[in-house]
Amino acid sequence: MKSKDNFERSVLGSEAYEREIKRVNVNFPLWTVKEMDERAGRFGISRQALVKVWKYRSVRSEDKLAL
């Protein structure tokens, strides 16, 4: 899955990508999972990669808003 790793590294940046990993479980309603799978498929990436990128971008945008 080298291409998925490269995708995450390019979007997240090497500094964020290299940090220690902690596995977590998240439950989503079925309609949310289906929508994520459709979007991930359009980008040619896994659902996990999509969730990582969305979460990273969300945290980064909150950081920019913090005073």
N, C-alpha and C. Protein backbone atom coordinates (compact mmCIF):
# COMPACT_ATOMS: atom_id res chain seq x y z
N MET A 1 0.83 -1.20 0.00
CA MET A 1 0.00 0.00 0.00
C MET A 1 0.87 1.26 0.00
N LYS A 2 1.92 1.22 -0.74
CA LYS A 2 2.86 2.32 -0.79
C LYS A 2 2.19 3.61 -1.26
N SER A 3 1.28 3.52 -2.26
CA SER A 3 0.66 4.73 -2.78
C SER A 3 -0.22 5.40 -1.73
N LYS A 4 -0.90 4.62 -0.90
CA LYS A 4 -1.72 5.20 0.17
C LYS A 4 -0.84 5.88 1.20
N ASP A 5 0.29 5.25 1.53
CA ASP A 5 1.23 5.88 2.45
C ASP A 5 1.75 7.18 1.87
N ASN A 6 2.08 7.18 0.59
CA ASN A 6 2.57 8.40 -0.06
C ASN A 6 1.49 9.48 -0.08
N PHE A 7 0.23 9.08 -0.30
CA PHE A 7 -0.86 10.05 -0.30
C PHE A 7 -0.98 10.72 1.06
N GLU A 8 -1.01 9.90 2.12
CA GLU A 8 -1.14 10.45 3.47
C GLU A 8 0.05 11.34 3.80
N ARG A 9 1.23 10.90 3.46
CA ARG A 9 2.44 11.68 3.75
C ARG A 9 2.40 13.02 3.01
N SER A 10 1.93 13.04 1.76
CA SER A 10 1.90 14.28 0.99
C SER A 10 0.85 15.24 1.53
N VAL A 11 -0.28 14.72 1.99
CA VAL A 11 -1.34 15.59 2.51
C VAL A 11 -1.04 16.02 3.94
N LEU A 12 -0.59 15.10 4.76
CA LEU A 12 -0.37 15.40 6.17
C LEU A 12 0.98 16.06 6.43
N GLY A 13 1.91 15.90 5.53
CA GLY A 13 3.25 16.42 5.75
C GLY A 13 4.07 15.39 6.50
N SER A 14 5.35 15.36 6.24
CA SER A 14 6.18 14.30 6.81
C SER A 14 6.26 14.39 8.33
N GLU A 15 6.22 15.60 8.89
CA GLU A 15 6.32 15.74 10.35
C GLU A 15 5.13 15.09 11.04
N ALA A 16 3.91 15.37 10.59
CA ALA A 16 2.72 14.80 11.19
C ALA A 16 2.64 13.30 10.93
N TYR A 17 3.09 12.88 9.77
CA TYR A 17 3.00 11.47 9.39
C TYR A 17 3.92 10.60 10.23
N GLU A 18 5.04 11.11 10.64
CA GLU A 18 6.06 10.33 11.35
C GLU A 18 5.80 10.20 12.85
N ARG A 19 4.78 10.85 13.37
CA ARG A 19 4.51 10.78 14.81
C ARG A 19 4.07 9.39 15.23
N GLU A 20 4.16 9.14 16.52
CA GLU A 20 3.77 7.84 17.07
C GLU A 20 2.30 7.56 16.75
N ILE A 21 1.99 6.32 16.49
CA ILE A 21 0.64 5.91 16.10
C ILE A 21 -0.09 5.31 17.30
N LYS A 22 -1.35 5.69 17.46
CA LYS A 22 -2.23 5.12 18.49
C LYS A 22 -3.49 4.64 17.79
N ARG A 23 -3.79 3.37 17.89
CA ARG A 23 -4.98 2.80 17.24
C ARG A 23 -6.23 3.19 18.03
N VAL A 24 -7.27 3.62 17.32
CA VAL A 24 -8.55 3.95 17.94
C VAL A 24 -9.67 3.32 17.11
N ASN A 25 -10.78 3.09 17.74
CA ASN A 25 -11.98 2.57 17.06
C ASN A 25 -13.05 3.64 17.09
N VAL A 26 -13.72 3.82 15.98
CA VAL A 26 -14.79 4.81 15.88
C VAL A 26 -15.99 4.14 15.22
N ASN A 27 -17.16 4.34 15.79
CA ASN A 27 -18.38 3.80 15.21
C ASN A 27 -19.10 4.90 14.43
N PHE A 28 -19.52 4.58 13.21
CA PHE A 28 -20.25 5.50 12.35
C PHE A 28 -21.55 4.84 11.92
N PRO A 29 -22.60 5.64 11.68
CA PRO A 29 -23.81 5.08 11.08
C PRO A 29 -23.49 4.54 9.68
N LEU A 30 -24.24 3.55 9.24
CA LEU A 30 -24.00 2.92 7.95
C LEU A 30 -23.98 3.92 6.80
N TRP A 31 -24.91 4.90 6.81
CA TRP A 31 -24.95 5.87 5.71
C TRP A 31 -23.66 6.67 5.64
N THR A 32 -23.03 6.94 6.78
CA THR A 32 -21.78 7.69 6.81
C THR A 32 -20.65 6.86 6.21
N VAL A 33 -20.62 5.58 6.55
CA VAL A 33 -19.58 4.69 6.03
C VAL A 33 -19.72 4.58 4.51
N LYS A 34 -20.95 4.44 4.02
CA LYS A 34 -21.17 4.34 2.57
C LYS A 34 -20.70 5.61 1.87
N GLU A 35 -21.00 6.77 2.46
CA GLU A 35 -20.58 8.04 1.86
C GLU A 35 -19.05 8.17 1.88
N MET A 36 -18.43 7.77 2.98
CA MET A 36 -16.96 7.82 3.04
C MET A 36 -16.35 6.89 2.00
N ASP A 37 -16.92 5.70 1.84
CA ASP A 37 -16.40 4.75 0.85
C ASP A 37 -16.52 5.31 -0.56
N GLU A 38 -17.62 5.99 -0.87
CA GLU A 38 -17.80 6.59 -2.19
C GLU A 38 -16.73 7.66 -2.44
N ARG A 39 -16.52 8.52 -1.45
CA ARG A 39 -15.52 9.58 -1.60
C ARG A 39 -14.10 9.01 -1.68
N ALA A 40 -13.81 8.04 -0.84
CA ALA A 40 -12.48 7.42 -0.88
C ALA A 40 -12.25 6.77 -2.24
N GLY A 41 -13.27 6.14 -2.78
CA GLY A 41 -13.16 5.51 -4.09
C GLY A 41 -12.86 6.52 -5.18
N ARG A 42 -13.46 7.70 -5.10
CA ARG A 42 -13.19 8.75 -6.10
C ARG A 42 -11.74 9.18 -6.07
N PHE A 43 -11.12 9.15 -4.90
CA PHE A 43 -9.71 9.55 -4.77
C PHE A 43 -8.76 8.37 -4.93
N GLY A 44 -9.30 7.17 -4.95
CA GLY A 44 -8.47 5.98 -5.07
C GLY A 44 -7.67 5.68 -3.81
N ILE A 45 -8.27 5.99 -2.65
CA ILE A 45 -7.61 5.75 -1.37
C ILE A 45 -8.52 4.93 -0.47
N SER A 46 -7.99 4.48 0.64
CA SER A 46 -8.80 3.71 1.60
C SER A 46 -9.66 4.64 2.45
N ARG A 47 -10.67 4.06 3.06
CA ARG A 47 -11.51 4.82 3.99
C ARG A 47 -10.66 5.35 5.14
N GLN A 48 -9.73 4.53 5.62
CA GLN A 48 -8.87 4.95 6.73
C GLN A 48 -8.04 6.17 6.34
N ALA A 49 -7.48 6.17 5.14
CA ALA A 49 -6.70 7.33 4.69
C ALA A 49 -7.57 8.57 4.62
N LEU A 50 -8.80 8.41 4.13
CA LEU A 50 -9.73 9.55 4.04
C LEU A 50 -10.01 10.13 5.42
N VAL A 51 -10.31 9.25 6.38
CA VAL A 51 -10.61 9.71 7.75
C VAL A 51 -9.40 10.41 8.35
N LYS A 52 -8.20 9.87 8.15
CA LYS A 52 -7.00 10.51 8.69
C LYS A 52 -6.81 11.91 8.14
N VAL A 53 -6.98 12.05 6.84
CA VAL A 53 -6.79 13.35 6.21
C VAL A 53 -7.85 14.33 6.70
N TRP A 54 -9.11 13.91 6.73
CA TRP A 54 -10.17 14.80 7.21
C TRP A 54 -9.93 15.24 8.64
N LYS A 55 -9.55 14.31 9.49
CA LYS A 55 -9.33 14.65 10.90
C LYS A 55 -8.14 15.59 11.05
N TYR A 56 -7.09 15.31 10.33
CA TYR A 56 -5.90 16.17 10.39
C TYR A 56 -6.25 17.59 9.95
N ARG A 57 -6.97 17.70 8.84
CA ARG A 57 -7.35 19.04 8.34
C ARG A 57 -8.26 19.75 9.33
N SER A 58 -9.15 19.02 9.96
CA SER A 58 -10.05 19.61 10.95
C SER A 58 -9.29 20.17 12.14
N VAL A 59 -8.35 19.40 12.65
CA VAL A 59 -7.54 19.85 13.78
C VAL A 59 -6.70 21.07 13.39
N ARG A 60 -6.10 21.01 12.21
CA ARG A 60 -5.27 22.14 11.74
C ARG A 60 -6.09 23.41 11.60
N SER A 61 -7.31 23.32 11.08
CA SER A 61 -8.12 24.53 10.92
C SER A 61 -8.55 25.08 12.28
N GLU A 62 -8.79 24.20 13.25
CA GLU A 62 -9.10 24.67 14.61
C GLU A 62 -7.90 25.37 15.22
N ASP A 63 -6.70 24.85 14.97
CA ASP A 63 -5.49 25.48 15.48
C ASP A 63 -5.35 26.90 14.96
N LYS A 64 -5.68 27.11 13.72
CA LYS A 64 -5.58 28.44 13.11
C LYS A 64 -6.57 29.42 13.71
N LEU A 65 -7.72 28.90 14.19
CA LEU A 65 -8.74 29.76 14.78
C LEU A 65 -8.46 30.09 16.24
N ALA A 66 -7.66 29.27 16.91
CA ALA A 66 -7.37 29.49 18.32
C ALA A 66 -6.59 30.78 18.52
N LEU A 67 -6.94 31.45 19.58
CA LEU A 67 -6.26 32.72 19.88
C LEU A 67 -5.13 32.53 20.84
